[in-house]
C-alpha atoms as a PDB file:
ATOM      1  CA  MET A   1      -8.011  27.576   8.797  1.00  0.00           C
ATOM      2  CA  THR A   2      -4.746  29.349   9.646  1.00  0.00           C
ATOM      3  CA  PRO A   3      -1.531  28.177  11.285  1.00  0.00           C
ATOM      4  CA  ALA A   4      -2.653  30.032  14.449  1.00  0.00           C
ATOM      5  CA  THR A   5      -5.333  27.390  15.050  1.00  0.00           C
ATOM      6  CA  ILE A   6      -2.771  24.596  15.314  1.00  0.00           C
ATOM      7  CA  PRO A   7      -2.463  23.301  18.912  1.00  0.00           C
ATOM      8  CA  ASP A   8       0.851  22.817  20.661  1.00  0.00           C
ATOM      9  CA  ASP A   9       0.399  19.091  21.181  1.00  0.00           C
ATOM     10  CA  MET A  10      -1.520  16.159  19.730  1.00  0.00           C
ATOM     11  CA  LEU A  11      -2.541  12.564  20.308  1.00  0.00           C
ATOM     12  CA  ALA A  12      -0.076  10.149  18.738  1.00  0.00           C
ATOM     13  CA  ILE A  13       0.551   6.403  18.858  1.00  0.00           C
ATOM     14  CA  GLU A  14       4.058   5.560  19.995  1.00  0.00           C
ATOM     15  CA  ILE A  15       5.966   2.287  19.739  1.00  0.00           C
ATOM     16  CA  THR A  16       7.313   2.025  23.292  1.00  0.00           C
ATOM     17  CA  LYS A  17       9.561  -0.951  22.469  1.00  0.00           C
ATOM     18  CA  PRO A  18       9.643  -3.722  19.858  1.00  0.00           C
ATOM     19  CA  GLY A  19       6.886  -6.231  20.469  1.00  0.00           C
ATOM     20  CA  GLY A  20       3.243  -7.140  20.049  1.00  0.00           C
ATOM     21  CA  PRO A  21       0.277  -4.836  19.481  1.00  0.00           C
ATOM     22  CA  ASP A  22       0.252  -3.878  23.173  1.00  0.00           C
ATOM     23  CA  VAL A  23       3.423  -1.790  22.708  1.00  0.00           C
ATOM     24  CA  LEU A  24       1.381   0.730  20.672  1.00  0.00           C
ATOM     25  CA  THR A  25       0.697   3.406  23.282  1.00  0.00           C
ATOM     26  CA  PRO A  26      -1.359   6.616  23.022  1.00  0.00           C
ATOM     27  CA  VAL A  27       0.781   9.599  24.076  1.00  0.00           C
ATOM     28  CA  ARG A  28       0.825  13.367  23.776  1.00  0.00           C
ATOM     29  CA  ARG A  29       3.442  14.709  21.384  1.00  0.00           C
ATOM     30  CA  PRO A  30       4.312  18.220  20.191  1.00  0.00           C
ATOM     31  CA  VAL A  31       2.708  19.025  16.838  1.00  0.00           C
ATOM     32  CA  PRO A  32       5.527  18.974  14.257  1.00  0.00           C
ATOM     33  CA  ARG A  33       6.301  22.058  12.187  1.00  0.00           C
ATOM     34  CA  PRO A  34       6.773  21.778   8.410  1.00  0.00           C
ATOM     35  CA  GLY A  35      10.204  22.297   6.911  1.00  0.00           C
ATOM     36  CA  PRO A  36      11.118  23.215   3.332  1.00  0.00           C
ATOM     37  CA  ASN A  37       8.710  21.672   0.793  1.00  0.00           C
ATOM     38  CA  GLU A  38       6.683  20.048   3.576  1.00  0.00           C
ATOM     39  CA  VAL A  39       3.027  20.436   4.517  1.00  0.00           C
ATOM     40  CA  LEU A  40       1.431  19.813   7.880  1.00  0.00           C
ATOM     41  CA  ILE A  41      -1.729  17.722   7.580  1.00  0.00           C
ATOM     42  CA  ARG A  42      -4.497  17.749  10.174  1.00  0.00           C
ATOM     43  CA  VAL A  43      -5.164  14.008   9.983  1.00  0.00           C
ATOM     44  CA  ALA A  44      -8.726  12.749   9.594  1.00  0.00           C
ATOM     45  CA  ALA A  45      -7.774   9.113   8.981  1.00  0.00           C
ATOM     46  CA  ALA A  46      -4.667   6.956   8.604  1.00  0.00           C
ATOM     47  CA  GLY A  47      -4.200   3.637   6.835  1.00  0.00           C
ATOM     48  CA  VAL A  48      -2.793   0.567   8.590  1.00  0.00           C
ATOM     49  CA  ASN A  49      -0.292  -1.472   6.580  1.00  0.00           C
ATOM     50  CA  ARG A  50       1.850  -4.555   7.048  1.00  0.00           C
ATOM     51  CA  PRO A  51       5.074  -2.474   7.208  1.00  0.00           C
ATOM     52  CA  ASP A  52       3.600  -0.784  10.304  1.00  0.00           C
ATOM     53  CA  VAL A  53       3.442  -4.202  11.966  1.00  0.00           C
ATOM     54  CA  LEU A  54       7.038  -4.933  10.978  1.00  0.00           C
ATOM     55  CA  GLN A  55       8.149  -1.556  12.348  1.00  0.00           C
ATOM     56  CA  ARG A  56       6.332  -2.260  15.610  1.00  0.00           C
ATOM     57  CA  MET A  57       8.205  -5.561  15.865  1.00  0.00           C
ATOM     58  CA  GLY A  58      11.542  -3.827  15.336  1.00  0.00           C
ATOM     59  CA  LEU A  59      12.067  -5.366  11.886  1.00  0.00           C
ATOM     60  CA  TYR A  60      11.524  -2.360   9.595  1.00  0.00           C
ATOM     61  CA  PRO A  61      12.921   0.897  11.010  1.00  0.00           C
ATOM     62  CA  PRO A  62      11.911   4.265   9.566  1.00  0.00           C
ATOM     63  CA  PRO A  63      14.370   5.893   7.168  1.00  0.00           C
ATOM     64  CA  PRO A  64      16.853   8.448   8.565  1.00  0.00           C
ATOM     65  CA  GLY A  65      15.171  11.708   9.468  1.00  0.00           C
ATOM     66  CA  ALA A  66      11.620  10.291   9.420  1.00  0.00           C
ATOM     67  CA  SER A  67       9.245  10.244  12.367  1.00  0.00           C
ATOM     68  CA  ASP A  68       9.583   7.312  14.748  1.00  0.00           C
ATOM     69  CA  LEU A  69       5.781   7.039  14.812  1.00  0.00           C
ATOM     70  CA  PRO A  70       4.226   4.357  12.568  1.00  0.00           C
ATOM     71  CA  GLY A  71       1.890   5.242   9.721  1.00  0.00           C
ATOM     72  CA  LEU A  72       2.672   5.499   6.006  1.00  0.00           C
ATOM     73  CA  GLU A  73      -0.498   7.132   4.688  1.00  0.00           C
ATOM     74  CA  VAL A  74      -3.045   9.686   5.835  1.00  0.00           C
ATOM     75  CA  ALA A  75      -5.893  11.828   4.598  1.00  0.00           C
ATOM     76  CA  GLY A  76      -6.970  15.159   5.990  1.00  0.00           C
ATOM     77  CA  GLU A  77      -6.622  18.898   5.537  1.00  0.00           C
ATOM     78  CA  ILE A  78      -3.503  20.978   5.057  1.00  0.00           C
ATOM     79  CA  ALA A  79      -3.019  23.004   8.242  1.00  0.00           C
ATOM     80  CA  ALA A  80       0.292  24.732   7.478  1.00  0.00           C
ATOM     81  CA  LEU A  81       2.791  25.120   4.644  1.00  0.00           C
ATOM     82  CA  GLY A  82       6.541  24.960   4.939  1.00  0.00           C
ATOM     83  CA  PRO A  83       8.934  27.229   3.042  1.00  0.00           C
ATOM     84  CA  SER A  84       9.015  26.897  -0.757  1.00  0.00           C
ATOM     85  CA  VAL A  85       5.796  24.869  -1.009  1.00  0.00           C
ATOM     86  CA  SER A  86       3.865  25.565  -4.197  1.00  0.00           C
ATOM     87  CA  GLY A  87       0.693  24.086  -5.639  1.00  0.00           C
ATOM     88  CA  TRP A  88      -1.019  23.587  -2.270  1.00  0.00           C
ATOM     89  CA  ASN A  89      -2.971  25.888   0.040  1.00  0.00           C
ATOM     90  CA  ILE A  90      -4.025  25.793   3.672  1.00  0.00           C
ATOM     91  CA  GLY A  91      -7.400  24.056   3.825  1.00  0.00           C
ATOM     92  CA  ASP A  92      -6.827  21.767   0.832  1.00  0.00           C
ATOM     93  CA  LYS A  93      -8.178  18.241   1.311  1.00  0.00           C
ATOM     94  CA  VAL A  94      -5.351  15.822   0.602  1.00  0.00           C
ATOM     95  CA  CYS A  95      -4.116  12.298   1.090  1.00  0.00           C
ATOM     96  CA  ALA A  96      -0.400  11.622   1.318  1.00  0.00           C
ATOM     97  CA  LEU A  97       2.289   8.970   1.309  1.00  0.00           C
ATOM     98  CA  LEU A  98       4.561   9.319   4.343  1.00  0.00           C
ATOM     99  CA  PRO A  99       7.877   7.837   5.482  1.00  0.00           C
ATOM    100  CA  GLY A 100       6.255   7.560   8.934  1.00  0.00           C
ATOM    101  CA  GLY A 101       4.270   9.578  11.454  1.00  0.00           C
ATOM    102  CA  GLY A 102       0.749   8.848  10.252  1.00  0.00           C
ATOM    103  CA  TYR A 103      -0.605   7.490  13.558  1.00  0.00           C
ATOM    104  CA  ALA A 104      -1.204  10.974  14.929  1.00  0.00           C
ATOM    105  CA  GLN A 105      -3.609  13.904  14.769  1.00  0.00           C
ATOM    106  CA  PHE A 106      -1.079  15.886  12.715  1.00  0.00           C
ATOM    107  CA  ALA A 107       1.526  14.569  10.274  1.00  0.00           C
ATOM    108  CA  LEU A 108       4.197  16.012   8.001  1.00  0.00           C
ATOM    109  CA  ALA A 109       4.318  15.108   4.316  1.00  0.00           C
ATOM    110  CA  ASP A 110       6.525  16.125   1.455  1.00  0.00           C
ATOM    111  CA  ALA A 111       4.465  18.320  -0.856  1.00  0.00           C
ATOM    112  CA  GLY A 112       5.331  16.081  -3.798  1.00  0.00           C
ATOM    113  CA  SER A 113       3.910  13.018  -2.045  1.00  0.00           C
ATOM    114  CA  CYS A 114       0.471  14.605  -1.607  1.00  0.00           C
ATOM    115  CA  LEU A 115      -2.569  14.110  -3.807  1.00  0.00           C
ATOM    116  CA  PRO A 116      -6.001  15.721  -3.677  1.00  0.00           C
ATOM    117  CA  VAL A 117      -8.704  13.589  -2.105  1.00  0.00           C
ATOM    118  CA  PRO A 118     -10.522  12.073  -5.108  1.00  0.00           C
ATOM    119  CA  LYS A 119     -13.956  13.579  -5.671  1.00  0.00           C
ATOM    120  CA  GLY A 120     -16.690  11.545  -4.028  1.00  0.00           C
ATOM    121  CA  LEU A 121     -14.427   9.709  -1.572  1.00  0.00           C
ATOM    122  CA  SER A 122     -14.569   9.996   2.210  1.00  0.00           C
ATOM    123  CA  PRO A 123     -11.448  10.814   4.250  1.00  0.00           C
ATOM    124  CA  GLU A 124     -11.361   7.193   5.411  1.00  0.00           C
ATOM    125  CA  GLU A 125     -11.426   5.926   1.816  1.00  0.00           C
ATOM    126  CA  ALA A 126      -8.767   8.430   0.783  1.00  0.00           C
ATOM    127  CA  ALA A 127      -6.521   7.370   3.678  1.00  0.00           C
ATOM    128  CA  ALA A 128      -6.655   3.799   2.373  1.00  0.00           C
ATOM    129  CA  LEU A 129      -5.130   4.792  -0.967  1.00  0.00           C
ATOM    130  CA  PRO A 130      -1.559   6.164  -0.918  1.00  0.00           C
ATOM    131  CA  GLU A 131       0.579   3.263   0.312  1.00  0.00           C
ATOM    132  CA  THR A 132      -1.189   0.617  -1.760  1.00  0.00           C
ATOM    133  CA  VAL A 133      -1.804   2.699  -4.880  1.00  0.00           C
ATOM    134  CA  PHE A 134       1.774   4.006  -4.970  1.00  0.00           C
ATOM    135  CA  THR A 135       3.068   0.453  -4.451  1.00  0.00           C
ATOM    136  CA  VAL A 136       0.899  -1.146  -7.120  1.00  0.00           C
ATOM    137  CA  TRP A 137       1.408   1.644  -9.633  1.00  0.00           C
ATOM    138  CA  ALA A 138       5.182   1.719  -9.131  1.00  0.00           C
ATOM    139  CA  ASN A 139       5.670  -2.041  -9.319  1.00  0.00           C
ATOM    140  CA  VAL A 140       2.951  -3.390 -11.601  1.00  0.00           C
ATOM    141  CA  PHE A 141       2.562  -0.525 -14.056  1.00  0.00           C
ATOM    142  CA  ASP A 142       5.719   1.608 -13.897  1.00  0.00           C
ATOM    143  CA  ASP A 143       8.304  -1.165 -13.454  1.00  0.00           C
ATOM    144  CA  ALA A 144       6.587  -4.284 -14.847  1.00  0.00           C
ATOM    145  CA  ARG A 145       4.628  -2.396 -17.551  1.00  0.00           C
ATOM    146  CA  LEU A 146       1.410  -4.414 -17.307  1.00  0.00           C
ATOM    147  CA  GLN A 147      -0.572  -3.846 -20.500  1.00  0.00           C
ATOM    148  CA  PRO A 148      -4.290  -4.177 -21.322  1.00  0.00           C
ATOM    149  CA  GLY A 149      -5.057  -7.772 -22.248  1.00  0.00           C
ATOM    150  CA  GLU A 150      -2.134  -9.176 -20.253  1.00  0.00           C
ATOM    151  CA  THR A 151      -2.517 -11.348 -17.154  1.00  0.00           C
ATOM    152  CA  LEU A 152      -1.483 -10.365 -13.638  1.00  0.00           C
ATOM    153  CA  LEU A 153      -1.000 -12.911 -10.850  1.00  0.00           C
ATOM    154  CA  VAL A 154      -1.258 -11.418  -7.368  1.00  0.00           C
ATOM    155  CA  HIS A 155      -0.700 -13.301  -4.124  1.00  0.00           C
ATOM    156  CA  GLY A 156      -2.413 -12.278  -0.885  1.00  0.00           C
ATOM    157  CA  ALA A 157      -5.436 -11.211  -2.877  1.00  0.00           C
ATOM    158  CA  THR A 158      -7.510  -9.835   0.004  1.00  0.00           C
ATOM    159  CA  SER A 159      -4.759  -7.778   1.629  1.00  0.00           C
ATOM    160  CA  GLY A 160      -4.712  -4.020   1.070  1.00  0.00           C
ATOM    161  CA  ILE A 161      -2.168  -4.450  -1.711  1.00  0.00           C
ATOM    162  CA  GLY A 162      -4.077  -7.378  -3.165  1.00  0.00           C
ATOM    163  CA  VAL A 163      -7.461  -5.691  -3.451  1.00  0.00           C
ATOM    164  CA  THR A 164      -5.820  -2.576  -4.888  1.00  0.00           C
ATOM    165  CA  ALA A 165      -3.898  -4.621  -7.451  1.00  0.00           C
ATOM    166  CA  ILE A 166      -7.072  -6.413  -8.534  1.00  0.00           C
ATOM    167  CA  ALA A 167      -9.022  -3.159  -8.839  1.00  0.00           C
ATOM    168  CA  MET A 168      -6.311  -1.289 -10.730  1.00  0.00           C
ATOM    169  CA  ALA A 169      -5.417  -4.115 -13.090  1.00  0.00           C
ATOM    170  CA  LYS A 170      -9.062  -4.737 -13.995  1.00  0.00           C
ATOM    171  CA  ALA A 171      -9.681  -1.005 -14.497  1.00  0.00           C
ATOM    172  CA  PHE A 172      -6.771  -0.932 -16.946  1.00  0.00           C
ATOM    173  CA  GLY A 173      -8.101  -3.905 -18.896  1.00  0.00           C
ATOM    174  CA  ALA A 174      -5.917  -6.738 -17.625  1.00  0.00           C
ATOM    175  CA  ARG A 175      -6.893 -10.285 -16.645  1.00  0.00           C
ATOM    176  CA  VAL A 176      -6.258 -11.007 -12.955  1.00  0.00           C
ATOM    177  CA  LEU A 177      -5.460 -14.289 -11.215  1.00  0.00           C
ATOM    178  CA  ALA A 178      -5.248 -14.397  -7.433  1.00  0.00           C
ATOM    179  CA  THR A 179      -4.269 -16.647  -4.564  1.00  0.00           C
ATOM    180  CA  ALA A 180      -5.440 -16.616  -0.962  1.00  0.00           C
ATOM    181  CA  GLY A 181      -5.291 -18.824   2.113  1.00  0.00           C
ATOM    182  CA  ALA A 182      -8.995 -19.531   2.612  1.00  0.00           C
ATOM    183  CA  ARG A 183     -11.960 -20.327   0.380  1.00  0.00           C
ATOM    184  CA  ALA A 184     -13.869 -17.303   1.690  1.00  0.00           C
ATOM    185  CA  LYS A 185     -10.972 -15.086   0.659  1.00  0.00           C
ATOM    186  CA  CYS A 186     -10.864 -16.656  -2.798  1.00  0.00           C
ATOM    187  CA  ASP A 187     -14.585 -15.967  -3.128  1.00  0.00           C
ATOM    188  CA  ALA A 188     -13.989 -12.369  -2.020  1.00  0.00           C
ATOM    189  CA  ALA A 189     -11.254 -11.984  -4.632  1.00  0.00           C
ATOM    190  CA  LEU A 190     -13.667 -13.136  -7.320  1.00  0.00           C
ATOM    191  CA  THR A 191     -16.275 -10.681  -6.072  1.00  0.00           C
ATOM    192  CA  LEU A 192     -13.669  -7.919  -6.226  1.00  0.00           C
ATOM    193  CA  GLY A 193     -13.036  -8.705  -9.890  1.00  0.00           C
ATOM    194  CA  ALA A 194     -10.404 -11.445 -10.091  1.00  0.00           C
ATOM    195  CA  ASP A 195     -10.952 -13.807 -13.036  1.00  0.00           C
ATOM    196  CA  ALA A 196      -9.808 -16.856 -11.047  1.00  0.00           C
ATOM    197  CA  ALA A 197      -8.657 -17.486  -7.479  1.00  0.00           C
ATOM    198  CA  TYR A 198      -6.710 -20.374  -5.966  1.00  0.00           C
ATOM    199  CA  LEU A 199      -6.059 -21.694  -2.464  1.00  0.00           C
ATOM    200  CA  TYR A 200      -2.302 -21.311  -2.321  1.00  0.00           C
ATOM    201  CA  ASP A 201      -1.693 -24.086   0.225  1.00  0.00           C
ATOM    202  CA  GLU A 202      -4.142 -26.621  -1.197  1.00  0.00           C
ATOM    203  CA  GLU A 203      -4.272 -26.226  -4.981  1.00  0.00           C
ATOM    204  CA  PRO A 204      -1.564 -26.570  -7.652  1.00  0.00           C
ATOM    205  CA  TRP A 205      -2.095 -22.960  -8.673  1.00  0.00           C
ATOM    206  CA  ASP A 206       1.114 -22.745 -10.667  1.00  0.00           C
ATOM    207  CA  GLU A 207       0.148 -25.742 -12.806  1.00  0.00           C
ATOM    208  CA  GLU A 208      -3.415 -24.504 -13.283  1.00  0.00           C
ATOM    209  CA  ILE A 209      -2.229 -21.033 -14.274  1.00  0.00           C
ATOM    210  CA  ALA A 210       0.326 -22.414 -16.723  1.00  0.00           C
ATOM    211  CA  LYS A 211      -2.417 -24.558 -18.331  1.00  0.00           C
ATOM    212  CA  SER A 212      -4.852 -21.631 -18.554  1.00  0.00           C
ATOM    213  CA  GLY A 213      -2.546 -19.325 -20.505  1.00  0.00           C
ATOM    214  CA  GLY A 214       0.027 -18.309 -17.901  1.00  0.00           C
ATOM    215  CA  ALA A 215       0.770 -14.943 -16.347  1.00  0.00           C
ATOM    216  CA  ASP A 216       2.638 -11.992 -17.810  1.00  0.00           C
ATOM    217  CA  VAL A 217       3.301 -10.212 -14.510  1.00  0.00           C
ATOM    218  CA  VAL A 218       3.526 -11.581 -10.962  1.00  0.00           C
ATOM    219  CA  LEU A 219       3.159  -9.264  -7.971  1.00  0.00           C
ATOM    220  CA  ASP A 220       4.714 -11.356  -5.215  1.00  0.00           C
ATOM    221  CA  MET A 221       4.458 -10.712  -1.482  1.00  0.00           C
ATOM    222  CA  ALA A 222       5.341 -14.295  -0.565  1.00  0.00           C
ATOM    223  CA  GLY A 223       8.882 -15.044  -1.713  1.00  0.00           C
ATOM    224  CA  GLY A 224      10.417 -18.263  -0.428  1.00  0.00           C
ATOM    225  CA  ASP A 225       9.035 -21.407  -2.014  1.00  0.00           C
ATOM    226  CA  PHE A 226       6.607 -19.408  -4.177  1.00  0.00           C
ATOM    227  CA  LEU A 227       9.381 -17.951  -6.320  1.00  0.00           C
ATOM    228  CA  ALA A 228      10.117 -21.061  -8.382  1.00  0.00           C
ATOM    229  CA  ARG A 229       6.393 -21.673  -8.857  1.00  0.00           C
ATOM    230  CA  ASN A 230       5.883 -18.075  -9.975  1.00  0.00           C
ATOM    231  CA  LEU A 231       8.617 -18.419 -12.579  1.00  0.00           C
ATOM    232  CA  ALA A 232       7.125 -21.699 -13.794  1.00  0.00           C
ATOM    233  CA  CYS A 233       3.791 -20.101 -14.661  1.00  0.00           C
ATOM    234  CA  LEU A 234       5.173 -16.901 -16.214  1.00  0.00           C
ATOM    235  CA  ASN A 235       4.876 -16.565 -19.982  1.00  0.00           C
ATOM    236  CA  PRO A 236       7.885 -15.777 -22.192  1.00  0.00           C
ATOM    237  CA  GLY A 237       8.901 -12.187 -21.555  1.00  0.00           C
ATOM    238  CA  GLY A 238       7.182 -12.284 -18.153  1.00  0.00           C
ATOM    239  CA  ARG A 239       8.002  -9.896 -15.328  1.00  0.00           C
ATOM    240  CA  HIS A 240       8.280 -10.900 -11.673  1.00  0.00           C
ATOM    241  CA  VAL A 241       8.072  -8.152  -9.044  1.00  0.00           C
ATOM    242  CA  SER A 242       8.870  -8.837  -5.378  1.00  0.00           C
ATOM    243  CA  ILE A 243       7.509  -6.447  -2.737  1.00  0.00           C
ATOM    244  CA  ALA A 244       7.653  -8.647   0.391  1.00  0.00           C
ATOM    245  CA  PHE A 245       8.847 -12.073   1.515  1.00  0.00           C
ATOM    246  CA  LEU A 246       6.328 -13.460   3.976  1.00  0.00           C
ATOM    247  CA  ARG A 247       7.401 -17.033   3.156  1.00  0.00           C
ATOM    248  CA  GLY A 248      11.131 -16.292   3.309  1.00  0.00           C
ATOM    249  CA  ALA A 249      13.730 -13.896   1.924  1.00  0.00           C
ATOM    250  CA  GLU A 250      15.766 -16.591   0.151  1.00  0.00           C
ATOM    251  CA  ALA A 251      14.838 -19.007  -2.632  1.00  0.00           C
ATOM    252  CA  PRO A 252      16.649 -21.106  -5.263  1.00  0.00           C
ATOM    253  CA  ILE A 253      16.295 -19.842  -8.821  1.00  0.00           C
ATOM    254  CA  ASN A 254      16.466 -21.889 -12.004  1.00  0.00           C
ATOM    255  CA  ILE A 255      18.653 -19.610 -14.097  1.00  0.00           C
ATOM    256  CA  PHE A 256      17.959 -21.615 -17.256  1.00  0.00           C
ATOM    257  CA  ALA A 257      14.225 -20.968 -16.857  1.00  0.00           C
ATOM    258  CA  ILE A 258      14.937 -17.238 -16.753  1.00  0.00           C
ATOM    259  CA  MET A 259      17.123 -17.466 -19.851  1.00  0.00           C
ATOM    260  CA  GLN A 260      14.749 -19.732 -21.741  1.00  0.00           C
ATOM    261  CA  LYS A 261      11.693 -17.508 -21.237  1.00  0.00           C
ATOM    262  CA  ARG A 262      13.560 -14.166 -21.117  1.00  0.00           C
ATOM    263  CA  LEU A 263      12.102 -13.363 -17.710  1.00  0.00           C
ATOM    264  CA  LYS A 264      12.745 -10.175 -15.784  1.00  0.00           C
ATOM    265  CA  LEU A 265      12.983 -10.214 -11.973  1.00  0.00           C
ATOM    266  CA  THR A 266      12.813  -7.017  -9.969  1.00  0.00           C
ATOM    267  CA  GLY A 267      11.489  -5.666  -6.693  1.00  0.00           C
ATOM    268  CA  SER A 268      11.365  -2.610  -4.493  1.00  0.00           C
ATOM    269  CA  THR A 269      10.346  -1.005  -1.229  1.00  0.00           C
ATOM    270  CA  MET A 270       8.518   2.305  -1.233  1.00  0.00           C
ATOM    271  CA  LYS A 271      10.366   3.740   1.760  1.00  0.00           C
ATOM    272  CA  ALA A 272      13.695   3.567  -0.048  1.00  0.00           C
ATOM    273  CA  ARG A 273      12.548   5.660  -3.031  1.00  0.00           C
ATOM    274  CA  SER A 274      13.625   9.297  -3.160  1.00  0.00           C
ATOM    275  CA  LEU A 275      11.205  12.171  -2.672  1.00  0.00           C
ATOM    276  CA  ALA A 276      11.710  13.130  -6.311  1.00  0.00           C
ATOM    277  CA  GLU A 277      10.779   9.608  -7.390  1.00  0.00           C
ATOM    278  CA  LYS A 278       7.662   9.638  -5.205  1.00  0.00           C
ATOM    279  CA  ALA A 279       6.671  13.007  -6.652  1.00  0.00           C
ATOM    280  CA  ARG A 280       6.997  11.591 -10.167  1.00  0.00           C
ATOM    281  CA  LEU A 281       4.836   8.623  -9.223  1.00  0.00           C
ATOM    282  CA  ALA A 282       2.270  10.918  -7.598  1.00  0.00           C
ATOM    283  CA  ALA A 283       1.972  12.968 -10.776  1.00  0.00           C
ATOM    284  CA  ASP A 284       1.375   9.830 -12.853  1.00  0.00           C
ATOM    285  CA  ILE A 285      -1.131   8.456 -10.340  1.00  0.00           C
ATOM    286  CA  ARG A 286      -3.048  11.740 -10.362  1.00  0.00           C
ATOM    287  CA  THR A 287      -3.500  11.624 -14.127  1.00  0.00           C
ATOM    288  CA  GLN A 288      -3.859   7.865 -14.622  1.00  0.00           C
ATOM    289  CA  VAL A 289      -5.537   6.443 -11.495  1.00  0.00           C
ATOM    290  CA  TRP A 290      -7.508   9.271  -9.890  1.00  0.00           C
ATOM    291  CA  PRO A 291      -9.952   9.550 -12.836  1.00  0.00           C
ATOM    292  CA  LEU A 292     -10.769   5.842 -12.380  1.00  0.00           C
ATOM    293  CA  LEU A 293     -11.638   6.424  -8.732  1.00  0.00           C
ATOM    294  CA  GLU A 294     -13.694   9.518  -9.467  1.00  0.00           C
ATOM    295  CA  SER A 295     -15.647   7.808 -12.258  1.00  0.00           C
ATOM    296  CA  GLY A 296     -16.389   4.721 -10.175  1.00  0.00           C
ATOM    297  CA  ALA A 297     -14.370   2.427 -12.449  1.00  0.00           C
ATOM    298  CA  MET A 298     -12.237   1.581  -9.419  1.00  0.00           C
ATOM    299  CA  ALA A 299     -13.453   1.332  -5.833  1.00  0.00           C
ATOM    300  CA  VAL A 300     -11.841   1.413  -2.391  1.00  0.00           C
ATOM    301  CA  LYS A 301     -12.379  -1.616  -0.154  1.00  0.00           C
ATOM    302  CA  ILE A 302     -12.264  -0.897   3.578  1.00  0.00           C
ATOM    303  CA  ASP A 303     -12.424  -3.834   5.964  1.00  0.00           C
ATOM    304  CA  GLN A 304     -12.792  -2.065   9.316  1.00  0.00           C
ATOM    305  CA  LEU A 305     -12.385   1.338  10.988  1.00  0.00           C
ATOM    306  CA  PHE A 306     -10.800   1.842  14.419  1.00  0.00           C
ATOM    307  CA  PRO A 307     -10.339   4.981  16.523  1.00  0.00           C
ATOM    308  CA  LEU A 308      -6.744   6.222  16.503  1.00  0.00           C
ATOM    309  CA  ALA A 309      -6.418   5.434  20.215  1.00  0.00           C
ATOM    310  CA  ASP A 310      -7.278   1.789  19.415  1.00  0.00           C
ATOM    311  CA  ALA A 311      -4.328   1.270  17.052  1.00  0.00           C
ATOM    312  CA  ALA A 312      -3.330  -1.805  19.057  1.00  0.00           C
ATOM    313  CA  LYS A 313      -6.709  -3.394  18.316  1.00  0.00           C
ATOM    314  CA  ALA A 314      -6.268  -2.552  14.635  1.00  0.00           C
ATOM    315  CA  HIS A 315      -2.913  -4.360  14.612  1.00  0.00           C
ATOM    316  CA  GLU A 316      -4.436  -7.350  16.386  1.00  0.00           C
ATOM    317  CA  HIS A 317      -7.107  -7.468  13.700  1.00  0.00           C
ATOM    318  CA  MET A 318      -4.490  -7.326  10.924  1.00  0.00           C
ATOM    319  CA  GLU A 319      -2.391 -10.066  12.464  1.00  0.00           C
ATOM    320  CA  LYS A 320      -5.381 -12.413  12.715  1.00  0.00           C
ATOM    321  CA  GLY A 321      -5.343 -12.366   8.916  1.00  0.00           C
ATOM    322  CA  GLY A 322      -9.070 -12.363   8.292  1.00  0.00           C
ATOM    323  CA  HIS A 323      -9.380  -8.860   6.880  1.00  0.00           C
ATOM    324  CA  ILE A 324     -10.498  -8.189   3.325  1.00  0.00           C
ATOM    325  CA  GLY A 325      -9.260  -4.796   2.190  1.00  0.00           C
ATOM    326  CA  LYS A 326      -7.799  -1.939   4.188  1.00  0.00           C
ATOM    327  CA  ILE A 327      -7.837  -1.323   7.932  1.00  0.00           C
ATOM    328  CA  VAL A 328      -8.110   2.386   8.747  1.00  0.00           C
ATOM    329  CA  LEU A 329      -7.682   4.502  11.875  1.00  0.00           C
ATOM    330  CA  LYS A 330     -10.000   7.471  12.427  1.00  0.00           C
ATOM    331  CA  ALA A 331      -8.186  10.422  13.995  1.00  0.00           C
ATOM    332  CA  VAL A 332     -11.285  12.607  14.378  1.00  0.00           C
END
């Protein structure tokens, strides 16, 4: 494949205005051209993530300079190289973390945010990896330093982040506790490898976890009223990592509990990290996580595939909340 085969325009999914799934509209857009240290990817598949929904609603704008199109992860084939790109060639099969622009037939990615498609995985499986794997690796392993034999508590166990956190933590030898909003989802979490699963609105999960040995790391997407309960079940020296706040962005904190157990509270968003930081994470993921995928020690869980033109239906499916694993758009 050469740059000469790249068409002038492409199918893309545009957010016409903030609103519901119906504002996601198929349009024709010019194919972007790669700048310095960028690659142009002919997209085979793109992952759907909760931040895409927030962007569609007008609550999570793309960073300055990024595409206005939604989509934070893709898999496909490199179609063109920008100036100063090294280590990649036209025709390479890659998946990539993006600041936006993934809901399209072509997408730009920083060369440092690309990874080879793991051996044995389909493009759809590879497209389900970057956003969740980068997020879990950066927060659970790089920041919170989860160790083999320790216990991870993850909320929203059957979301894309949740299933990835379970798979990665188990592959690295940790014990995993999970919460979910329905019994079927708790059962799915157990099937995916969680050691225990709790109904977060019906069971005293914080008390049960504290009695069963506690947690060393909490990956929290809930915030709000969950924060105090998370801190209560953390062991001395425990680490609490916030990556979303579906139950509210504010919560009271018992400072004495933090002091008494020497707890560490942190959090992050992936969009705000620099390209250099993402490249560092990508290098670690390639050496630490990719071998687990290629050996079968860690699997990808896809809930449902949708054609790119049906992105609105994919968002409707996500917002119903019944999915288990990743929702993926097929661009070809």
